Amino acid sequence: MLDALPAGVLRAKGVLRLSGDPARRTVYQRVGRRWSFVTDDEAAAPEHSSLVVIGPAASIDSKDLSRRFDACRI
């Protein structure tokens, strides 16, 4: 889902709880089309994932993003 973010996304950052490794915290960062995942072996996973997406309002459909994020919940 994160690979399919709109081209208008300038920046995104989040602390994620991933289904493949639900006990550990994963930090996602994106600037333009460059991105990274860093899994923290020392920090417990959060109860819920949180993600902030930044970009011009005209190029991002916030309702569509919300629906797609909701579909990814574990």
PDB file of N, CA and C in Angstrom:
ATOM      1  N   MET A   1       0.824  -1.178   0.000  1.00  0.00           N
ATOM      2  CA  MET A   1       0.000   0.000   0.000  1.00  0.00           C
ATOM      3  C   MET A   1       0.870   1.244   0.000  1.00  0.00           C
ATOM      4  N   LEU A   2       1.964   1.209   0.724  1.00  0.00           N
ATOM      5  CA  LEU A   2       2.823   2.391   0.791  1.00  0.00           C
ATOM      6  C   LEU A   2       3.498   2.670  -0.551  1.00  0.00           C
ATOM      7  N   ASP A   3       3.746   1.639  -1.338  1.00  0.00           N
ATOM      8  CA  ASP A   3       4.301   1.840  -2.676  1.00  0.00           C
ATOM      9  C   ASP A   3       3.319   2.553  -3.596  1.00  0.00           C
ATOM     10  N   ALA A   4       2.038   2.472  -3.285  1.00  0.00           N
ATOM     11  CA  ALA A   4       1.005   3.053  -4.140  1.00  0.00           C
ATOM     12  C   ALA A   4       0.536   4.430  -3.675  1.00  0.00           C
ATOM     13  N   LEU A   5       1.286   5.060  -2.763  1.00  0.00           N
ATOM     14  CA  LEU A   5       0.907   6.416  -2.355  1.00  0.00           C
ATOM     15  C   LEU A   5       0.955   7.346  -3.562  1.00  0.00           C
ATOM     16  N   PRO A   6       0.084   8.344  -3.603  1.00  0.00           N
ATOM     17  CA  PRO A   6       0.064   9.256  -4.744  1.00  0.00           C
ATOM     18  C   PRO A   6       1.399   9.973  -4.936  1.00  0.00           C
ATOM     19  N   ALA A   7       1.694  10.323  -6.178  1.00  0.00           N
ATOM     20  CA  ALA A   7       2.948  11.020  -6.497  1.00  0.00           C
ATOM     21  C   ALA A   7       3.044  12.358  -5.776  1.00  0.00           C
ATOM     22  N   GLY A   8       1.915  12.934  -5.381  1.00  0.00           N
ATOM     23  CA  GLY A   8       1.909  14.224  -4.692  1.00  0.00           C
ATOM     24  C   GLY A   8       2.380  14.172  -3.253  1.00  0.00           C
ATOM     25  N   VAL A   9       2.584  12.981  -2.724  1.00  0.00           N
ATOM     26  CA  VAL A   9       3.066  12.863  -1.343  1.00  0.00           C
ATOM     27  C   VAL A   9       4.513  13.329  -1.300  1.00  0.00           C
ATOM     28  N   LEU A  10       4.756  14.364  -0.511  1.00  0.00           N
ATOM     29  CA  LEU A  10       6.104  14.914  -0.375  1.00  0.00           C
ATOM     30  C   LEU A  10       6.865  14.255   0.764  1.00  0.00           C
ATOM     31  N   ARG A  11       6.128  13.900   1.829  1.00  0.00           N
ATOM     32  CA  ARG A  11       6.766  13.362   3.021  1.00  0.00           C
ATOM     33  C   ARG A  11       5.776  12.460   3.731  1.00  0.00           C
ATOM     34  N   ALA A  12       6.262  11.382   4.295  1.00  0.00           N
ATOM     35  CA  ALA A  12       5.443  10.505   5.129  1.00  0.00           C
ATOM     36  C   ALA A  12       6.339   9.920   6.207  1.00  0.00           C
ATOM     37  N   LYS A  13       5.757   9.759   7.381  1.00  0.00           N
ATOM     38  CA  LYS A  13       6.514   9.171   8.480  1.00  0.00           C
ATOM     39  C   LYS A  13       5.532   8.494   9.416  1.00  0.00           C
ATOM     40  N   GLY A  14       5.919   7.321   9.888  1.00  0.00           N
ATOM     41  CA  GLY A  14       5.027   6.634  10.793  1.00  0.00           C
ATOM     42  C   GLY A  14       5.723   5.599  11.641  1.00  0.00           C
ATOM     43  N   VAL A  15       5.059   5.238  12.732  1.00  0.00           N
ATOM     44  CA  VAL A  15       5.487   4.150  13.598  1.00  0.00           C
ATOM     45  C   VAL A  15       4.444   3.068  13.387  1.00  0.00           C
ATOM     46  N   LEU A  16       4.902   1.908  12.906  1.00  0.00           N
ATOM     47  CA  LEU A  16       3.991   0.884  12.444  1.00  0.00           C
ATOM     48  C   LEU A  16       4.095  -0.408  13.246  1.00  0.00           C
ATOM     49  N   ARG A  17       2.977  -1.071  13.344  1.00  0.00           N
ATOM     50  CA  ARG A  17       2.909  -2.431  13.887  1.00  0.00           C
ATOM     51  C   ARG A  17       2.542  -3.316  12.704  1.00  0.00           C
ATOM     52  N   LEU A  18       3.495  -4.075  12.221  1.00  0.00           N
ATOM     53  CA  LEU A  18       3.307  -4.872  11.011  1.00  0.00           C
ATOM     54  C   LEU A  18       2.872  -6.291  11.351  1.00  0.00           C
ATOM     55  N   SER A  19       1.990  -6.847  10.533  1.00  0.00           N
ATOM     56  CA  SER A  19       1.476  -8.195  10.793  1.00  0.00           C
ATOM     57  C   SER A  19       2.573  -9.251  10.721  1.00  0.00           C
ATOM     58  N   GLY A  20       3.615  -9.017   9.912  1.00  0.00           N
ATOM     59  CA  GLY A  20       4.703  -9.983   9.788  1.00  0.00           C
ATOM     60  C   GLY A  20       5.622 -10.021  10.997  1.00  0.00           C
ATOM     61  N   ASP A  21       5.578  -8.975  11.817  1.00  0.00           N
ATOM     62  CA  ASP A  21       6.422  -8.899  13.013  1.00  0.00           C
ATOM     63  C   ASP A  21       5.722  -8.019  14.051  1.00  0.00           C
ATOM     64  N   PRO A  22       4.577  -8.467  14.568  1.00  0.00           N
ATOM     65  CA  PRO A  22       3.745  -7.610  15.413  1.00  0.00           C
ATOM     66  C   PRO A  22       4.325  -7.263  16.778  1.00  0.00           C
ATOM     67  N   ALA A  23       5.413  -7.917  17.191  1.00  0.00           N
ATOM     68  CA  ALA A  23       5.988  -7.650  18.510  1.00  0.00           C
ATOM     69  C   ALA A  23       7.008  -6.506  18.475  1.00  0.00           C
ATOM     70  N   ARG A  24       7.439  -6.111  17.263  1.00  0.00           N
ATOM     71  CA  ARG A  24       8.469  -5.071  17.174  1.00  0.00           C
ATOM     72  C   ARG A  24       7.945  -3.830  16.463  1.00  0.00           C
ATOM     73  N   ARG A  25       8.493  -2.690  16.836  1.00  0.00           N
ATOM     74  CA  ARG A  25       8.145  -1.403  16.236  1.00  0.00           C
ATOM     75  C   ARG A  25       8.926  -1.217  14.944  1.00  0.00           C
ATOM     76  N   THR A  26       8.247  -0.763  13.897  1.00  0.00           N
ATOM     77  CA  THR A  26       8.900  -0.448  12.631  1.00  0.00           C
ATOM     78  C   THR A  26       8.632   1.010  12.301  1.00  0.00           C
ATOM     79  N   VAL A  27       9.681   1.746  11.972  1.00  0.00           N
ATOM     80  CA  VAL A  27       9.552   3.161  11.609  1.00  0.00           C
ATOM     81  C   VAL A  27       9.655   3.275  10.095  1.00  0.00           C
ATOM     82  N   TYR A  28       8.675   3.937   9.499  1.00  0.00           N
ATOM     83  CA  TYR A  28       8.635   4.172   8.051  1.00  0.00           C
ATOM     84  C   TYR A  28       8.881   5.650   7.812  1.00  0.00           C
ATOM     85  N   GLN A  29       9.788   5.961   6.874  1.00  0.00           N
ATOM     86  CA  GLN A  29      10.049   7.344   6.496  1.00  0.00           C
ATOM     87  C   GLN A  29      10.099   7.434   4.981  1.00  0.00           C
ATOM     88  N   ARG A  30       9.521   8.490   4.447  1.00  0.00           N
ATOM     89  CA  ARG A  30       9.518   8.693   3.005  1.00  0.00           C
ATOM     90  C   ARG A  30       9.702  10.173   2.703  1.00  0.00           C
ATOM     91  N   VAL A  31      10.594  10.435   1.763  1.00  0.00           N
ATOM     92  CA  VAL A  31      10.803  11.789   1.239  1.00  0.00           C
ATOM     93  C   VAL A  31      10.777  11.642  -0.278  1.00  0.00           C
ATOM     94  N   GLY A  32       9.774  12.247  -0.920  1.00  0.00           N
ATOM     95  CA  GLY A  32       9.615  12.056  -2.359  1.00  0.00           C
ATOM     96  C   GLY A  32       9.349  10.593  -2.643  1.00  0.00           C
ATOM     97  N   ARG A  33      10.161   9.974  -3.483  1.00  0.00           N
ATOM     98  CA  ARG A  33      10.015   8.551  -3.789  1.00  0.00           C
ATOM     99  C   ARG A  33      11.008   7.673  -3.026  1.00  0.00           C
ATOM    100  N   ARG A  34      11.882   8.273  -2.221  1.00  0.00           N
ATOM    101  CA  ARG A  34      12.817   7.496  -1.394  1.00  0.00           C
ATOM    102  C   ARG A  34      12.138   7.153  -0.080  1.00  0.00           C
ATOM    103  N   TRP A  35      12.325   5.917   0.357  1.00  0.00           N
ATOM    104  CA  TRP A  35      11.707   5.498   1.605  1.00  0.00           C
ATOM    105  C   TRP A  35      12.581   4.484   2.332  1.00  0.00           C
ATOM    106  N   SER A  36      12.277   4.299   3.613  1.00  0.00           N
ATOM    107  CA  SER A  36      12.997   3.301   4.394  1.00  0.00           C
ATOM    108  C   SER A  36      12.091   2.748   5.485  1.00  0.00           C
ATOM    109  N   PHE A  37      12.351   1.489   5.839  1.00  0.00           N
ATOM    110  CA  PHE A  37      11.761   0.836   7.003  1.00  0.00           C
ATOM    111  C   PHE A  37      12.912   0.514   7.938  1.00  0.00           C
ATOM    112  N   VAL A  38      12.773   0.832   9.209  1.00  0.00           N
ATOM    113  CA  VAL A  38      13.772   0.472  10.210  1.00  0.00           C
ATOM    114  C   VAL A  38      13.029  -0.208  11.347  1.00  0.00           C
ATOM    115  N   THR A  39      13.381  -1.466  11.596  1.00  0.00           N
ATOM    116  CA  THR A  39      12.764  -2.208  12.688  1.00  0.00           C
ATOM    117  C   THR A  39      13.640  -2.055  13.919  1.00  0.00           C
ATOM    118  N   ASP A  40      13.008  -1.674  15.007  1.00  0.00           N
ATOM    119  CA  ASP A  40      13.702  -1.408  16.263  1.00  0.00           C
ATOM    120  C   ASP A  40      13.624  -2.648  17.148  1.00  0.00           C
ATOM    121  N   ASP A  41      14.763  -3.298  17.362  1.00  0.00           N
ATOM    122  CA  ASP A  41      14.796  -4.507  18.180  1.00  0.00           C
ATOM    123  C   ASP A  41      14.570  -4.226  19.662  1.00  0.00           C
ATOM    124  N   GLU A  42      14.808  -3.004  20.084  1.00  0.00           N
ATOM    125  CA  GLU A  42      14.711  -2.661  21.503  1.00  0.00           C
ATOM    126  C   GLU A  42      13.329  -2.151  21.902  1.00  0.00           C
ATOM    127  N   ALA A  43      12.568  -1.626  20.955  1.00  0.00           N
ATOM    128  CA  ALA A  43      11.280  -1.015  21.292  1.00  0.00           C
ATOM    129  C   ALA A  43      10.127  -1.954  20.965  1.00  0.00           C
ATOM    130  N   ALA A  44       9.189  -2.032  21.869  1.00  0.00           N
ATOM    131  CA  ALA A  44       8.000  -2.848  21.638  1.00  0.00           C
ATOM    132  C   ALA A  44       7.121  -2.162  20.600  1.00  0.00           C
ATOM    133  N   ALA A  45       6.381  -2.951  19.889  1.00  0.00           N
ATOM    134  CA  ALA A  45       5.478  -2.408  18.873  1.00  0.00           C
ATOM    135  C   ALA A  45       4.393  -1.579  19.548  1.00  0.00           C
ATOM    136  N   PRO A  46       3.957  -0.527  18.888  1.00  0.00           N
ATOM    137  CA  PRO A  46       2.851   0.248  19.449  1.00  0.00           C
ATOM    138  C   PRO A  46       1.553  -0.554  19.371  1.00  0.00           C
ATOM    139  N   GLU A  47       0.577  -0.174  20.161  1.00  0.00           N
ATOM    140  CA  GLU A  47      -0.718  -0.850  20.110  1.00  0.00           C
ATOM    141  C   GLU A  47      -1.372  -0.631  18.749  1.00  0.00           C
ATOM    142  N   HIS A  48      -1.170   0.561  18.184  1.00  0.00           N
ATOM    143  CA  HIS A  48      -1.738   0.916  16.885  1.00  0.00           C
ATOM    144  C   HIS A  48      -0.670   1.592  16.043  1.00  0.00           C
ATOM    145  N   SER A  49      -0.750   1.413  14.752  1.00  0.00           N
ATOM    146  CA  SER A  49       0.143   2.122  13.836  1.00  0.00           C
ATOM    147  C   SER A  49      -0.324   3.566  13.715  1.00  0.00           C
ATOM    148  N   SER A  50       0.626   4.457  13.431  1.00  0.00           N
ATOM    149  CA  SER A  50       0.272   5.846  13.137  1.00  0.00           C
ATOM    150  C   SER A  50       1.144   6.309  11.972  1.00  0.00           C
ATOM    151  N   LEU A  51       0.543   7.090  11.085  1.00  0.00           N
ATOM    152  CA  LEU A  51       1.233   7.535   9.881  1.00  0.00           C
ATOM    153  C   LEU A  51       0.779   8.930   9.533  1.00  0.00           C
ATOM    154  N   VAL A  52       1.738   9.796   9.214  1.00  0.00           N
ATOM    155  CA  VAL A  52       1.459  11.160   8.775  1.00  0.00           C
ATOM    156  C   VAL A  52       1.909  11.273   7.331  1.00  0.00           C
ATOM    157  N   VAL A  53       1.026  11.807   6.475  1.00  0.00           N
ATOM    158  CA  VAL A  53       1.320  11.985   5.057  1.00  0.00           C
ATOM    159  C   VAL A  53       1.179  13.467   4.749  1.00  0.00           C
ATOM    160  N   ILE A  54       2.209  14.051   4.106  1.00  0.00           N
ATOM    161  CA  ILE A  54       2.220  15.482   3.810  1.00  0.00           C
ATOM    162  C   ILE A  54       2.342  15.696   2.305  1.00  0.00           C
ATOM    163  N   GLY A  55       1.521  16.586   1.795  1.00  0.00           N
ATOM    164  CA  GLY A  55       1.572  16.939   0.378  1.00  0.00           C
ATOM    165  C   GLY A  55       0.502  17.977   0.079  1.00  0.00           C
ATOM    166  N   PRO A  56       0.527  18.562  -1.109  1.00  0.00           N
ATOM    167  CA  PRO A  56      -0.483  19.553  -1.479  1.00  0.00           C
ATOM    168  C   PRO A  56      -1.879  18.930  -1.468  1.00  0.00           C
ATOM    169  N   ALA A  57      -2.838  19.640  -0.884  1.00  0.00           N
ATOM    170  CA  ALA A  57      -4.201  19.115  -0.762  1.00  0.00           C
ATOM    171  C   ALA A  57      -4.801  18.759  -2.118  1.00  0.00           C
ATOM    172  N   ALA A  58      -4.463  19.507  -3.148  1.00  0.00           N
ATOM    173  CA  ALA A  58      -5.038  19.260  -4.477  1.00  0.00           C
ATOM    174  C   ALA A  58      -4.542  17.954  -5.097  1.00  0.00           C
ATOM    175  N   SER A  59      -3.440  17.425  -4.614  1.00  0.00           N
ATOM    176  CA  SER A  59      -2.882  16.212  -5.231  1.00  0.00           C
ATOM    177  C   SER A  59      -3.091  14.954  -4.398  1.00  0.00           C
ATOM    178  N   ILE A  60      -3.776  15.077  -3.262  1.00  0.00           N
ATOM    179  CA  ILE A  60      -3.994  13.926  -2.382  1.00  0.00           C
ATOM    180  C   ILE A  60      -5.479  13.834  -2.036  1.00  0.00           C
ATOM    181  N   ASP A  61      -6.066  12.683  -2.298  1.00  0.00           N
ATOM    182  CA  ASP A  61      -7.460  12.419  -1.948  1.00  0.00           C
ATOM    183  C   ASP A  61      -7.464  11.800  -0.551  1.00  0.00           C
ATOM    184  N   SER A  62      -7.714  12.616   0.459  1.00  0.00           N
ATOM    185  CA  SER A  62      -7.603  12.149   1.844  1.00  0.00           C
ATOM    186  C   SER A  62      -8.612  11.051   2.170  1.00  0.00           C
ATOM    187  N   LYS A  63      -9.801  11.101   1.611  1.00  0.00           N
ATOM    188  CA  LYS A  63     -10.789  10.047   1.871  1.00  0.00           C
ATOM    189  C   LYS A  63     -10.331   8.715   1.287  1.00  0.00           C
ATOM    190  N   ASP A  64      -9.767   8.751   0.086  1.00  0.00           N
ATOM    191  CA  ASP A  64      -9.249   7.530  -0.526  1.00  0.00           C
ATOM    192  C   ASP A  64      -8.091   6.962   0.298  1.00  0.00           C
ATOM    193  N   LEU A  65      -7.172   7.829   0.750  1.00  0.00           N
ATOM    194  CA  LEU A  65      -6.064   7.362   1.584  1.00  0.00           C
ATOM    195  C   LEU A  65      -6.578   6.736   2.871  1.00  0.00           C
ATOM    196  N   SER A  66      -7.551   7.345   3.495  1.00  0.00           N
ATOM    197  CA  SER A  66      -8.113   6.801   4.736  1.00  0.00           C
ATOM    198  C   SER A  66      -8.710   5.419   4.504  1.00  0.00           C
ATOM    199  N   ARG A  67      -9.440   5.241   3.408  1.00  0.00           N
ATOM    200  CA  ARG A  67     -10.015   3.926   3.097  1.00  0.00           C
ATOM    201  C   ARG A  67      -8.911   2.886   2.894  1.00  0.00           C
ATOM    202  N   ARG A  68      -7.857   3.258   2.167  1.00  0.00           N
ATOM    203  CA  ARG A  68      -6.775   2.309   1.913  1.00  0.00           C
ATOM    204  C   ARG A  68      -6.012   1.978   3.197  1.00  0.00           C
ATOM    205  N   PHE A  69      -5.789   2.969   4.056  1.00  0.00           N
ATOM    206  CA  PHE A  69      -5.111   2.701   5.320  1.00  0.00           C
ATOM    207  C   PHE A  69      -5.973   1.786   6.200  1.00  0.00           C
ATOM    208  N   ASP A  70      -7.267   2.055   6.255  1.00  0.00           N
ATOM    209  CA  ASP A  70      -8.165   1.221   7.057  1.00  0.00           C
ATOM    210  C   ASP A  70      -8.144  -0.232   6.590  1.00  0.00           C
ATOM    211  N   ALA A  71      -8.012  -0.449   5.298  1.00  0.00           N
ATOM    212  CA  ALA A  71      -7.990  -1.808   4.757  1.00  0.00           C
ATOM    213  C   ALA A  71      -6.726  -2.567   5.172  1.00  0.00           C
ATOM    214  N   CYS A  72      -5.710  -1.870   5.651  1.00  0.00           N
ATOM    215  CA  CYS A  72      -4.443  -2.501   6.036  1.00  0.00           C
ATOM    216  C   CYS A  72      -4.380  -2.860   7.516  1.00  0.00           C
ATOM    217  N   ARG A  73      -5.374  -2.522   8.266  1.00  0.00           N
ATOM    218  CA  ARG A  73      -5.341  -2.786   9.719  1.00  0.00           C
ATOM    219  C   ARG A  73      -5.279  -4.270  10.009  1.00  0.00           C
ATOM    220  N   ILE A  74      -4.510  -4.582  11.070  1.00  0.00           N
ATOM    221  CA  ILE A  74      -4.426  -5.991  11.500  1.00  0.00           C
ATOM    222  C   ILE A  74      -5.245  -6.196  12.746  1.00  0.00           C
TER     223      ILE A  74
END
